[in-house]
């Protein structure tokens, strides 16, 4: 399930919680922009025994964005074969999606800051959501977060 709101510091955020295990989640927060061509934001992963954060993921206006990928998954709510994948231009955030019988989508979120640097790290967490309404809601929440338009 996805939830979005403004924190105590009045900054918007979006959290995606795994339907199977609510202690597993991904949060988008700390959105800012230097110009009209990009949006910068932090991504946090949480799971039992895991907390990871990348402080500056960049979404470019000329690039295929995460919301388009999520909307594509939501529109295909009856399912698909194989894995679908999206990543930022800098490859510091990757999302892969699989469809599970019963109408659920598994989204594996991988953080890999400085992917070309020696000694880098990566962390991942998988959230499971209903293929229909929950995916549609997630896509809308992420779009609102990235565009700065909060409901």
Protein backbone atom coordinates (compact mmCIF):
# COMPACT_ATOMS: atom_id res chain seq x y z
CA UNK A 1 0.00 0.00 0.00
CA UNK A 2 1.19 3.50 -0.72
CA UNK A 3 0.65 6.52 1.46
CA UNK A 4 1.64 10.09 0.92
CA UNK A 5 1.51 13.11 3.13
CA UNK A 6 3.53 15.96 4.50
CA UNK A 7 5.82 15.38 7.45
CA UNK A 8 6.17 17.51 10.53
CA UNK A 9 8.61 19.71 8.57
CA UNK A 10 5.90 20.21 5.89
CA UNK A 11 7.91 18.31 3.25
CA UNK A 12 5.99 15.79 1.14
CA UNK A 13 6.81 12.09 1.15
CA UNK A 14 5.50 8.82 -0.27
CA UNK A 15 5.84 5.45 1.48
CA UNK A 16 5.21 2.09 -0.17
CA UNK A 17 4.56 -0.72 2.32
CA UNK A 18 4.59 -4.39 1.47
CA UNK A 19 1.14 -5.91 1.73
CA UNK A 20 2.64 -9.22 2.95
CA UNK A 21 4.91 -7.62 5.56
CA UNK A 22 4.25 -3.96 6.49
CA UNK A 23 7.69 -3.66 8.12
CA UNK A 24 9.16 -3.76 4.58
CA UNK A 25 8.90 -0.44 2.79
CA UNK A 26 10.30 2.24 0.55
CA UNK A 27 10.02 5.98 1.19
CA UNK A 28 10.56 8.86 -1.22
CA UNK A 29 11.30 12.14 0.57
CA UNK A 30 13.32 15.36 0.58
CA UNK A 31 12.38 16.40 -2.95
CA UNK A 32 14.15 19.45 -4.37
CA UNK A 33 15.00 20.91 -7.74
CA UNK A 34 17.69 23.23 -9.09
CA UNK A 35 15.99 23.82 -12.44
CA UNK A 36 13.10 22.72 -14.66
CA UNK A 37 15.09 19.81 -16.11
CA UNK A 38 15.46 17.65 -13.02
CA UNK A 39 14.04 16.63 -9.68
CA UNK A 40 16.26 15.33 -6.87
CA UNK A 41 14.98 13.22 -4.00
CA UNK A 42 16.04 10.71 -1.35
CA UNK A 43 14.97 7.06 -1.32
CA UNK A 44 14.96 4.98 1.86
CA UNK A 45 14.55 1.20 2.14
CA UNK A 46 13.42 -0.52 5.33
CA UNK A 47 13.10 -4.18 6.20
CA UNK A 48 13.80 -6.17 9.36
CA UNK A 49 17.54 -5.69 9.93
CA UNK A 50 17.92 -3.24 7.02
CA UNK A 51 17.88 0.52 6.69
CA UNK A 52 19.44 2.10 3.60
CA UNK A 53 19.22 5.53 2.04
CA UNK A 54 20.43 7.27 -1.10
CA UNK A 55 20.28 11.01 -0.56
CA UNK A 56 20.16 12.24 -4.13
CA UNK A 57 18.39 10.24 -6.80
CA UNK A 58 17.83 12.35 -9.92
CA UNK A 59 14.83 12.25 -12.25
CA UNK A 60 15.43 14.06 -15.54
CA UNK A 61 12.56 15.63 -17.48
CA UNK A 62 13.87 14.14 -20.77
CA UNK A 63 14.17 10.61 -19.38
CA UNK A 64 11.58 7.85 -19.04
CA UNK A 65 10.38 8.41 -15.50
CA UNK A 66 9.36 6.09 -12.72
CA UNK A 67 5.72 7.14 -12.85
CA UNK A 68 5.43 6.08 -16.50
CA UNK A 69 6.81 2.66 -15.56
CA UNK A 70 4.41 2.32 -12.60
CA UNK A 71 1.42 3.44 -14.71
CA UNK A 72 2.37 0.86 -17.35
CA UNK A 73 2.39 -1.86 -14.66
CA UNK A 74 -0.94 -0.66 -13.25
CA UNK A 75 -2.55 -0.70 -16.70
CA UNK A 76 -1.46 -4.33 -17.17
CA UNK A 77 -3.29 -5.49 -14.03
CA UNK A 78 -4.22 -8.85 -15.58
CA UNK A 79 -0.60 -9.92 -15.47
CA UNK A 80 2.49 -10.55 -17.57
CA UNK A 81 5.32 -13.02 -17.92
CA UNK A 82 8.96 -12.33 -17.15
CA UNK A 83 10.45 -9.45 -15.24
CA UNK A 84 10.00 -5.78 -16.15
CA UNK A 85 12.68 -3.30 -15.18
CA UNK A 86 13.27 0.44 -14.85
CA UNK A 87 16.26 2.42 -13.59
CA UNK A 88 17.40 5.99 -13.24
CA UNK A 89 19.85 7.37 -15.75
CA UNK A 90 22.58 7.23 -13.07
CA UNK A 91 21.57 3.63 -12.17
CA UNK A 92 21.40 4.43 -8.46
CA UNK A 93 17.75 3.32 -8.26
CA UNK A 94 16.45 0.26 -10.07
CA UNK A 95 12.94 -1.18 -9.85
CA UNK A 96 12.06 -4.61 -11.18
CA UNK A 97 8.52 -5.97 -11.30
CA UNK A 98 7.11 -9.48 -11.44
CA UNK A 99 3.50 -10.62 -11.51
CA UNK A 100 2.34 -13.29 -9.06
CA UNK A 101 -0.78 -15.38 -9.43
CA UNK A 102 -3.71 -13.98 -7.51
CA UNK A 103 -3.18 -10.49 -8.90
CA UNK A 104 -0.10 -9.23 -7.03
CA UNK A 105 2.91 -7.28 -8.25
CA UNK A 106 6.29 -7.67 -6.59
CA UNK A 107 8.40 -4.54 -6.86
CA UNK A 108 12.07 -5.02 -5.98
CA UNK A 109 13.68 -1.68 -5.18
CA UNK A 110 17.49 -1.65 -5.47
CA UNK A 111 19.60 1.23 -4.20
CA UNK A 112 23.14 1.38 -5.56
CA UNK A 113 24.78 4.77 -5.01
CA UNK A 114 27.87 5.50 -7.07
CA UNK A 115 27.48 2.27 -9.11
CA UNK A 116 30.79 2.80 -10.92
CA UNK A 117 32.82 3.41 -7.75
CA UNK A 118 35.00 0.68 -6.28
CA UNK A 119 33.80 -0.47 -2.89
CA UNK A 120 30.23 0.70 -3.47
CA UNK A 121 27.23 -0.93 -1.86
CA UNK A 122 23.73 -1.96 -2.80
CA UNK A 123 20.59 -2.80 -0.87
CA UNK A 124 17.21 -4.10 -1.97
CA UNK A 125 13.75 -4.71 -0.62
CA UNK A 126 10.66 -6.19 -2.27
CA UNK A 127 7.16 -4.84 -1.76
CA UNK A 128 4.05 -6.75 -2.85
CA UNK A 129 0.96 -4.79 -3.92
CA UNK A 130 -2.38 -5.60 -5.52
CA UNK A 131 -2.04 -5.31 -9.29
CA UNK A 132 -5.07 -3.04 -9.79
CA UNK A 133 -6.02 -0.25 -7.44
CA UNK A 134 -2.91 -0.29 -5.24
CA UNK A 135 -0.60 0.00 -8.26
CA UNK A 136 -2.75 2.79 -9.73
CA UNK A 137 -2.67 4.63 -6.41
CA UNK A 138 1.10 4.15 -6.12
CA UNK A 139 1.67 5.55 -9.62
CA UNK A 140 -0.45 8.63 -8.81
CA UNK A 141 1.28 9.20 -5.44
CA UNK A 142 4.74 8.97 -7.00
CA UNK A 143 3.72 11.30 -9.85
CA UNK A 144 2.37 13.85 -7.36
CA UNK A 145 5.55 13.60 -5.30
CA UNK A 146 7.90 14.02 -8.27
CA UNK A 147 5.93 16.92 -9.77
CA UNK A 148 5.45 18.60 -6.40
CA UNK A 149 1.66 18.42 -6.64
CA UNK A 150 0.25 17.01 -3.44
CA UNK A 151 -3.44 16.11 -3.17
